[in-house]
């Protein structure tokens, strides 16, 4: 009987996470701060690629990072770092136009843009629209996912 009373008394405690406050949308000032931080990470990532700084590249990409190429090929963190070190063009470091930053709870920042990417043979190029999703992690911002879509000529 005493055991049943103890269980019955603890049941309301099981629903406490449901009463927790949901994450809130960052206000305008916070959003601007996050955008500046993500823009700085994009610059840091581009510098790490130029300098072939493996430690900085590892810190910039989330462990579960994926990139979906316009062909449908999927890269993970290690594959993407190897591509960066090999000098392959990356949407996350390419000169971009039409940059848009959107801030969500988490906080999470989604960046979209358009870039002209050099072709594999260096002779041809492709225009792509891309998206990169940046998340907050224990040690700061990380790139979690990216995808490129080829635009019609």
N, C-alpha and C. Protein backbone atom coordinates (compact mmCIF):
# COMPACT_ATOMS: atom_id res chain seq x y z
N UNK A 1 0.82 -1.18 0.00
CA UNK A 1 0.00 0.00 0.00
C UNK A 1 0.87 1.26 0.00
N UNK A 2 1.88 1.24 0.82
CA UNK A 2 2.77 2.38 0.91
C UNK A 2 3.49 2.61 -0.43
N UNK A 3 3.85 1.52 -1.10
CA UNK A 3 4.53 1.59 -2.39
C UNK A 3 3.62 2.24 -3.43
N UNK A 4 2.35 1.87 -3.45
CA UNK A 4 1.38 2.46 -4.39
C UNK A 4 1.22 3.95 -4.14
N UNK A 5 1.19 4.33 -2.89
CA UNK A 5 1.06 5.75 -2.56
C UNK A 5 2.28 6.53 -3.04
N UNK A 6 3.46 5.95 -2.89
CA UNK A 6 4.68 6.61 -3.34
C UNK A 6 4.68 6.76 -4.86
N UNK A 7 4.27 5.72 -5.56
CA UNK A 7 4.20 5.78 -7.02
C UNK A 7 3.17 6.82 -7.45
N UNK A 8 2.01 6.81 -6.82
CA UNK A 8 0.96 7.78 -7.17
C UNK A 8 1.43 9.21 -6.91
N UNK A 9 2.18 9.41 -5.85
CA UNK A 9 2.66 10.75 -5.53
C UNK A 9 3.73 11.22 -6.51
N UNK A 10 4.47 10.29 -7.11
CA UNK A 10 5.54 10.68 -8.02
C UNK A 10 5.05 10.86 -9.46
N UNK A 11 3.86 10.44 -9.80
CA UNK A 11 3.35 10.57 -11.16
C UNK A 11 3.33 12.01 -11.68
N UNK A 12 2.92 12.98 -10.89
CA UNK A 12 2.96 14.35 -11.42
C UNK A 12 4.37 14.81 -11.78
N UNK A 13 5.38 14.29 -11.10
CA UNK A 13 6.76 14.67 -11.41
C UNK A 13 7.19 14.18 -12.79
N UNK A 14 6.61 13.10 -13.28
CA UNK A 14 6.95 12.57 -14.59
C UNK A 14 6.54 13.50 -15.71
N UNK A 15 5.57 14.35 -15.48
CA UNK A 15 5.11 15.25 -16.54
C UNK A 15 5.78 16.62 -16.49
N UNK A 16 6.75 16.82 -15.60
CA UNK A 16 7.41 18.12 -15.50
C UNK A 16 8.07 18.58 -16.80
N UNK A 17 8.76 17.72 -17.57
CA UNK A 17 9.34 18.21 -18.81
C UNK A 17 8.29 18.80 -19.75
N UNK A 18 7.09 18.30 -19.70
CA UNK A 18 6.03 18.85 -20.55
C UNK A 18 5.66 20.27 -20.13
N UNK A 19 5.96 20.64 -18.90
CA UNK A 19 5.64 21.97 -18.42
C UNK A 19 6.78 22.96 -18.65
N UNK A 20 7.93 22.47 -19.11
CA UNK A 20 9.08 23.35 -19.33
C UNK A 20 8.76 24.34 -20.44
N UNK A 21 9.40 25.48 -20.39
CA UNK A 21 9.18 26.50 -21.41
C UNK A 21 9.80 26.08 -22.73
N UNK A 22 9.09 26.25 -23.82
CA UNK A 22 9.70 25.93 -25.11
C UNK A 22 10.76 26.97 -25.44
N UNK A 23 11.71 26.62 -26.31
CA UNK A 23 12.71 27.61 -26.68
C UNK A 23 12.02 28.82 -27.32
N UNK A 24 12.58 29.99 -27.12
CA UNK A 24 11.96 31.18 -27.68
C UNK A 24 12.74 31.65 -28.90
N UNK A 25 12.04 32.30 -29.78
CA UNK A 25 12.67 32.90 -30.96
C UNK A 25 13.56 34.04 -30.50
N UNK A 26 14.82 34.08 -30.96
CA UNK A 26 15.70 35.19 -30.56
C UNK A 26 15.11 36.53 -31.03
N UNK A 27 15.32 37.57 -30.23
CA UNK A 27 14.84 38.89 -30.63
C UNK A 27 15.78 39.47 -31.69
N UNK A 28 15.48 40.67 -32.18
CA UNK A 28 16.24 41.27 -33.28
C UNK A 28 17.72 41.45 -32.94
N UNK A 29 18.02 41.91 -31.73
CA UNK A 29 19.42 42.12 -31.34
C UNK A 29 20.18 40.79 -31.26
N UNK A 30 19.54 39.79 -30.66
CA UNK A 30 20.18 38.47 -30.59
C UNK A 30 20.38 37.90 -31.99
N UNK A 31 19.37 38.04 -32.83
CA UNK A 31 19.46 37.53 -34.19
C UNK A 31 20.63 38.16 -34.93
N UNK A 32 20.78 39.47 -34.80
CA UNK A 32 21.89 40.15 -35.47
C UNK A 32 23.23 39.66 -34.95
N UNK A 33 23.32 39.43 -33.65
CA UNK A 33 24.55 38.90 -33.05
C UNK A 33 24.86 37.52 -33.62
N UNK A 34 23.85 36.65 -33.73
CA UNK A 34 24.05 35.31 -34.26
C UNK A 34 24.48 35.37 -35.73
N UNK A 35 23.87 36.27 -36.50
CA UNK A 35 24.24 36.42 -37.90
C UNK A 35 25.70 36.83 -38.01
N UNK A 36 26.13 37.76 -37.19
CA UNK A 36 27.53 38.20 -37.21
C UNK A 36 28.47 37.05 -36.83
N UNK A 37 28.07 36.26 -35.85
CA UNK A 37 28.91 35.13 -35.44
C UNK A 37 29.01 34.08 -36.54
N UNK A 38 27.90 33.80 -37.22
CA UNK A 38 27.92 32.83 -38.31
C UNK A 38 28.72 33.37 -39.50
N UNK A 39 28.58 34.65 -39.81
CA UNK A 39 29.38 35.26 -40.87
C UNK A 39 30.87 35.14 -40.53
N UNK A 40 31.22 35.34 -39.27
CA UNK A 40 32.62 35.19 -38.85
C UNK A 40 33.08 33.74 -38.99
N UNK A 41 32.21 32.79 -38.67
CA UNK A 41 32.56 31.38 -38.84
C UNK A 41 32.78 31.07 -40.31
N UNK A 42 31.96 31.63 -41.19
CA UNK A 42 32.14 31.41 -42.64
C UNK A 42 33.51 31.93 -43.08
N UNK A 43 33.92 33.08 -42.58
CA UNK A 43 35.24 33.63 -42.91
C UNK A 43 36.35 32.75 -42.32
N UNK A 44 36.16 32.31 -41.10
CA UNK A 44 37.14 31.44 -40.45
C UNK A 44 37.27 30.12 -41.21
N UNK A 45 36.16 29.58 -41.68
CA UNK A 45 36.17 28.34 -42.44
C UNK A 45 36.91 28.54 -43.76
N UNK A 46 36.65 29.65 -44.45
CA UNK A 46 37.34 29.94 -45.71
C UNK A 46 38.84 30.06 -45.47
N UNK A 47 39.24 30.71 -44.39
CA UNK A 47 40.66 30.85 -44.05
C UNK A 47 41.26 29.49 -43.74
N UNK A 48 40.54 28.65 -43.02
CA UNK A 48 41.03 27.31 -42.69
C UNK A 48 41.24 26.49 -43.95
N UNK A 49 40.36 26.66 -44.94
CA UNK A 49 40.53 25.95 -46.21
C UNK A 49 41.78 26.47 -46.92
N UNK A 50 41.92 27.79 -47.00
CA UNK A 50 43.11 28.39 -47.66
C UNK A 50 44.40 27.94 -46.99
N UNK A 51 44.38 27.92 -45.65
CA UNK A 51 45.58 27.57 -44.88
C UNK A 51 45.75 26.06 -44.68
N UNK A 52 44.77 25.28 -45.14
CA UNK A 52 44.76 23.83 -44.94
C UNK A 52 44.92 23.48 -43.45
N UNK A 53 44.15 24.19 -42.62
CA UNK A 53 44.19 24.05 -41.17
C UNK A 53 43.18 22.99 -40.75
N UNK A 54 43.66 21.78 -40.60
CA UNK A 54 42.78 20.64 -40.30
C UNK A 54 42.06 20.83 -38.96
N UNK A 55 42.75 21.31 -37.95
CA UNK A 55 42.11 21.48 -36.63
C UNK A 55 40.95 22.47 -36.72
N UNK A 56 41.15 23.57 -37.43
CA UNK A 56 40.07 24.56 -37.57
C UNK A 56 38.92 23.99 -38.40
N UNK A 57 39.22 23.18 -39.41
CA UNK A 57 38.16 22.56 -40.21
C UNK A 57 37.36 21.58 -39.35
N UNK A 58 38.05 20.77 -38.56
CA UNK A 58 37.34 19.82 -37.69
C UNK A 58 36.43 20.55 -36.71
N UNK A 59 36.86 21.71 -36.21
CA UNK A 59 36.06 22.46 -35.25
C UNK A 59 34.86 23.13 -35.93
N UNK A 60 34.97 23.45 -37.20
CA UNK A 60 33.91 24.18 -37.90
C UNK A 60 32.75 23.28 -38.33
N UNK A 61 33.03 22.01 -38.58
CA UNK A 61 31.99 21.08 -39.03
C UNK A 61 31.48 20.25 -37.87
N UNK A 62 30.16 20.10 -37.78
CA UNK A 62 29.56 19.23 -36.76
C UNK A 62 29.97 17.78 -37.05
N UNK A 63 30.04 16.98 -36.01
CA UNK A 63 30.43 15.57 -36.20
C UNK A 63 29.49 14.85 -37.16
N UNK A 64 28.21 15.17 -37.12
CA UNK A 64 27.22 14.51 -37.98
C UNK A 64 26.97 15.28 -39.28
N UNK A 65 27.88 16.19 -39.64
CA UNK A 65 27.74 17.02 -40.84
C UNK A 65 27.52 16.18 -42.10
N UNK A 66 26.66 16.68 -42.99
CA UNK A 66 26.50 16.10 -44.32
C UNK A 66 26.38 17.21 -45.35
N UNK A 67 26.89 16.96 -46.53
CA UNK A 67 26.70 17.84 -47.69
C UNK A 67 26.12 17.01 -48.81
N UNK A 68 25.03 17.50 -49.40
CA UNK A 68 24.44 16.84 -50.55
C UNK A 68 24.83 17.63 -51.79
N UNK A 69 25.57 16.98 -52.66
CA UNK A 69 26.00 17.60 -53.92
C UNK A 69 24.82 17.71 -54.87
N UNK A 70 24.98 18.54 -55.89
CA UNK A 70 23.94 18.70 -56.90
C UNK A 70 23.66 17.38 -57.61
N UNK A 71 24.62 16.47 -57.62
CA UNK A 71 24.45 15.15 -58.25
C UNK A 71 23.71 14.17 -57.35
N UNK A 72 23.55 14.54 -56.07
CA UNK A 72 22.94 13.63 -55.11
C UNK A 72 23.96 12.92 -54.24
N UNK A 73 25.25 13.02 -54.60
CA UNK A 73 26.31 12.42 -53.79
C UNK A 73 26.30 13.04 -52.40
N UNK A 74 26.56 12.23 -51.40
CA UNK A 74 26.52 12.68 -50.01
C UNK A 74 27.92 12.61 -49.40
N UNK A 75 28.38 13.72 -48.82
CA UNK A 75 29.65 13.76 -48.10
C UNK A 75 29.38 13.81 -46.61
N UNK A 76 30.27 13.19 -45.83
CA UNK A 76 30.24 13.36 -44.38
C UNK A 76 31.36 14.33 -43.99
N UNK A 77 31.56 14.52 -42.72
CA UNK A 77 32.56 15.48 -42.24
C UNK A 77 33.95 15.17 -42.77
N UNK A 78 34.37 13.92 -42.66
CA UNK A 78 35.72 13.56 -43.08
C UNK A 78 35.91 13.72 -44.59
N UNK A 79 34.91 13.35 -45.36
CA UNK A 79 34.98 13.50 -46.81
C UNK A 79 35.06 14.97 -47.19
N UNK A 80 34.29 15.81 -46.51
CA UNK A 80 34.27 17.23 -46.82
C UNK A 80 35.61 17.88 -46.47
N UNK A 81 36.18 17.50 -45.35
CA UNK A 81 37.49 18.04 -44.98
C UNK A 81 38.54 17.61 -46.00
N UNK A 82 38.48 16.35 -46.45
CA UNK A 82 39.42 15.88 -47.47
C UNK A 82 39.25 16.68 -48.77
N UNK A 83 37.99 16.99 -49.14
CA UNK A 83 37.73 17.80 -50.33
C UNK A 83 38.31 19.20 -50.17
N UNK A 84 38.14 19.77 -48.98
CA UNK A 84 38.67 21.11 -48.71
C UNK A 84 40.19 21.11 -48.82
N UNK A 85 40.83 20.11 -48.25
CA UNK A 85 42.29 20.04 -48.28
C UNK A 85 42.82 19.80 -49.69
N UNK A 86 42.01 19.14 -50.53
CA UNK A 86 42.40 18.87 -51.92
C UNK A 86 42.17 20.08 -52.83
N UNK A 87 41.58 21.13 -52.27
CA UNK A 87 41.36 22.34 -53.06
C UNK A 87 40.09 22.32 -53.91
N UNK A 88 39.21 21.39 -53.64
CA UNK A 88 37.95 21.33 -54.38
C UNK A 88 37.07 22.51 -53.98
N UNK A 89 36.26 23.02 -54.91
CA UNK A 89 35.38 24.15 -54.56
C UNK A 89 34.28 23.71 -53.59
N UNK A 90 34.01 24.57 -52.62
CA UNK A 90 33.00 24.29 -51.60
C UNK A 90 32.00 25.44 -51.57
N UNK A 91 30.72 25.13 -51.46
CA UNK A 91 29.72 26.20 -51.39
C UNK A 91 29.88 27.01 -50.11
N UNK A 92 30.35 26.37 -49.05
CA UNK A 92 30.46 27.08 -47.78
C UNK A 92 31.58 28.12 -47.77
N UNK A 93 32.48 28.09 -48.78
CA UNK A 93 33.55 29.08 -48.85
C UNK A 93 33.55 29.86 -50.16
N UNK A 94 32.64 29.54 -51.07
CA UNK A 94 32.61 30.19 -52.38
C UNK A 94 32.10 31.63 -52.27
N UNK A 95 32.63 32.51 -53.12
CA UNK A 95 32.05 33.85 -53.19
C UNK A 95 30.56 33.71 -53.52
N UNK A 96 29.73 34.50 -52.84
CA UNK A 96 28.29 34.31 -52.97
C UNK A 96 27.56 35.61 -53.22
N UNK A 97 26.42 35.48 -53.87
CA UNK A 97 25.49 36.58 -54.03
C UNK A 97 24.17 36.14 -53.42
N UNK A 98 23.27 37.08 -53.31
CA UNK A 98 21.93 36.78 -52.77
C UNK A 98 21.98 36.09 -51.41
N UNK A 99 22.93 36.49 -50.57
CA UNK A 99 23.03 35.88 -49.24
C UNK A 99 21.84 36.27 -48.38
N UNK A 100 21.26 35.27 -47.75
CA UNK A 100 20.15 35.48 -46.82
C UNK A 100 20.44 34.69 -45.55
N UNK A 101 20.33 35.35 -44.41
CA UNK A 101 20.51 34.71 -43.11
C UNK A 101 19.15 34.69 -42.42
N UNK A 102 18.74 33.51 -41.93
CA UNK A 102 17.50 33.39 -41.17
C UNK A 102 17.83 32.73 -39.83
N UNK A 103 17.34 33.34 -38.76
CA UNK A 103 17.65 32.87 -37.41
C UNK A 103 16.40 32.19 -36.83
N UNK A 104 16.62 31.02 -36.25
CA UNK A 104 15.55 30.25 -35.64
C UNK A 104 15.92 29.92 -34.20
N UNK A 105 14.97 29.34 -33.48
CA UNK A 105 15.26 28.92 -32.11
C UNK A 105 16.35 27.87 -32.14
N UNK A 106 16.99 27.70 -31.03
CA UNK A 106 18.05 26.72 -30.93
C UNK A 106 19.28 27.28 -30.25
N UNK A 107 19.87 28.39 -30.69
CA UNK A 107 19.62 29.04 -31.97
C UNK A 107 20.25 28.28 -33.14
N UNK A 108 19.60 28.44 -34.27
CA UNK A 108 20.03 27.86 -35.53
C UNK A 108 19.99 28.97 -36.57
N UNK A 109 20.98 29.02 -37.45
CA UNK A 109 21.00 30.00 -38.52
C UNK A 109 21.08 29.26 -39.85
N UNK A 110 20.15 29.59 -40.74
CA UNK A 110 20.14 29.02 -42.08
C UNK A 110 20.58 30.11 -43.05
N UNK A 111 21.61 29.80 -43.83
CA UNK A 111 22.16 30.74 -44.80
C UNK A 111 21.93 30.18 -46.19
N UNK A 112 21.39 31.00 -47.08
CA UNK A 112 21.23 30.61 -48.48
C UNK A 112 21.96 31.61 -49.35
N UNK A 113 22.37 31.16 -50.51
CA UNK A 113 23.06 32.04 -51.44
C UNK A 113 23.20 31.40 -52.80
N UNK A 114 23.78 32.15 -53.72
CA UNK A 114 24.08 31.66 -55.06
C UNK A 114 25.57 31.84 -55.29
N UNK A 115 26.17 30.87 -55.96
CA UNK A 115 27.60 30.93 -56.26
C UNK A 115 27.85 30.33 -57.63
N UNK A 116 28.90 30.80 -58.27
CA UNK A 116 29.40 30.18 -59.49
C UNK A 116 30.55 29.29 -59.06
N UNK A 117 30.39 28.01 -59.31
CA UNK A 117 31.38 27.03 -58.87
C UNK A 117 32.20 26.58 -60.07
N UNK A 118 33.52 26.58 -59.96
CA UNK A 118 34.34 26.08 -61.06
C UNK A 118 34.09 24.60 -61.27
N UNK A 119 34.16 24.16 -62.50
CA UNK A 119 33.98 22.75 -62.80
C UNK A 119 35.20 21.94 -62.42
N UNK A 120 35.05 20.64 -62.48
CA UNK A 120 36.13 19.75 -62.10
C UNK A 120 37.35 19.92 -63.01
N UNK A 121 37.11 20.24 -64.28
CA UNK A 121 38.23 20.38 -65.20
C UNK A 121 38.78 21.80 -65.23
N UNK A 122 38.22 22.70 -64.44
CA UNK A 122 38.69 24.07 -64.39
C UNK A 122 38.23 24.92 -65.56
N UNK A 123 37.63 24.31 -66.55
CA UNK A 123 37.21 25.02 -67.75
C UNK A 123 35.76 25.46 -67.71
N UNK A 124 34.91 24.66 -67.12
CA UNK A 124 33.48 24.97 -67.09
C UNK A 124 33.09 25.37 -65.68
N UNK A 125 31.97 26.03 -65.58
CA UNK A 125 31.49 26.40 -64.25
C UNK A 125 29.99 26.17 -64.20
N UNK A 126 29.48 26.12 -62.99
CA UNK A 126 28.06 25.92 -62.79
C UNK A 126 27.56 26.93 -61.76
N UNK A 127 26.40 27.46 -62.02
CA UNK A 127 25.75 28.32 -61.04
C UNK A 127 24.91 27.43 -60.14
N UNK A 128 25.07 27.63 -58.85
CA UNK A 128 24.32 26.82 -57.88
C UNK A 128 23.65 27.73 -56.87
N UNK A 129 22.53 27.28 -56.38
CA UNK A 129 21.91 27.87 -55.20
C UNK A 129 22.20 26.87 -54.09
N UNK A 130 22.56 27.39 -52.94
CA UNK A 130 22.95 26.49 -51.85
C UNK A 130 22.33 26.93 -50.53
N UNK A 131 22.36 26.01 -49.60
CA UNK A 131 21.88 26.26 -48.25
C UNK A 131 22.87 25.63 -47.27
N UNK A 132 23.17 26.36 -46.20
CA UNK A 132 24.01 25.87 -45.11
C UNK A 132 23.25 26.09 -43.80
N UNK A 133 23.25 25.09 -42.95
CA UNK A 133 22.58 25.19 -41.66
C UNK A 133 23.63 25.16 -40.56
N UNK A 134 23.64 26.23 -39.76
CA UNK A 134 24.59 26.38 -38.67
C UNK A 134 23.86 26.21 -37.35
N UNK A 135 24.47 25.43 -36.47
CA UNK A 135 23.86 25.14 -35.16
C UNK A 135 24.81 25.57 -34.05
N UNK A 136 24.25 25.79 -32.88
CA UNK A 136 25.09 26.08 -31.72
C UNK A 136 25.50 24.76 -31.09
N UNK A 137 26.75 24.72 -30.70
CA UNK A 137 27.29 23.53 -30.06
C UNK A 137 28.00 23.97 -28.79
N UNK A 138 28.54 23.04 -28.09
CA UNK A 138 29.20 23.33 -26.82
C UNK A 138 30.31 24.38 -26.97
N UNK A 139 31.06 24.31 -28.08
CA UNK A 139 32.20 25.20 -28.26
C UNK A 139 31.93 26.32 -29.26
N UNK A 140 30.67 26.58 -29.58
CA UNK A 140 30.32 27.65 -30.51
C UNK A 140 29.55 27.12 -31.71
N UNK A 141 29.55 27.89 -32.77
CA UNK A 141 28.80 27.54 -33.98
C UNK A 141 29.50 26.45 -34.76
N UNK A 142 28.69 25.57 -35.38
CA UNK A 142 29.19 24.52 -36.27
C UNK A 142 28.29 24.45 -37.49
N UNK A 143 28.88 24.06 -38.60
CA UNK A 143 28.11 23.81 -39.81
C UNK A 143 27.59 22.39 -39.74
N UNK A 144 26.27 22.24 -39.77
CA UNK A 144 25.66 20.92 -39.58
C UNK A 144 25.28 20.25 -40.89
N UNK A 145 24.83 21.04 -41.87
CA UNK A 145 24.40 20.45 -43.14
C UNK A 145 24.50 21.50 -44.23
N UNK A 146 24.78 21.05 -45.44
CA UNK A 146 24.77 21.94 -46.59
C UNK A 146 24.29 21.16 -47.80
N UNK A 147 23.78 21.90 -48.78
CA UNK A 147 23.29 21.27 -50.00
C UNK A 147 23.41 22.28 -51.13
N UNK A 148 23.74 21.78 -52.32
CA UNK A 148 23.85 22.63 -53.51
C UNK A 148 22.91 22.10 -54.57
N UNK A 149 22.25 23.04 -55.27
CA UNK A 149 21.38 22.70 -56.37
C UNK A 149 21.81 23.49 -57.59
N UNK A 150 22.09 22.78 -58.68
CA UNK A 150 22.50 23.45 -59.93
C UNK A 150 21.33 24.22 -60.50
N UNK A 151 21.62 25.46 -60.91
CA UNK A 151 20.60 26.29 -61.55
C UNK A 151 20.64 26.08 -63.06
N UNK A 152 19.49 26.19 -63.72
CA UNK A 152 19.50 26.03 -65.18
C UNK A 152 20.36 27.11 -65.83
N UNK A 153 20.98 26.74 -66.92
CA UNK A 153 21.87 27.67 -67.63
C UNK A 153 21.09 28.80 -68.26
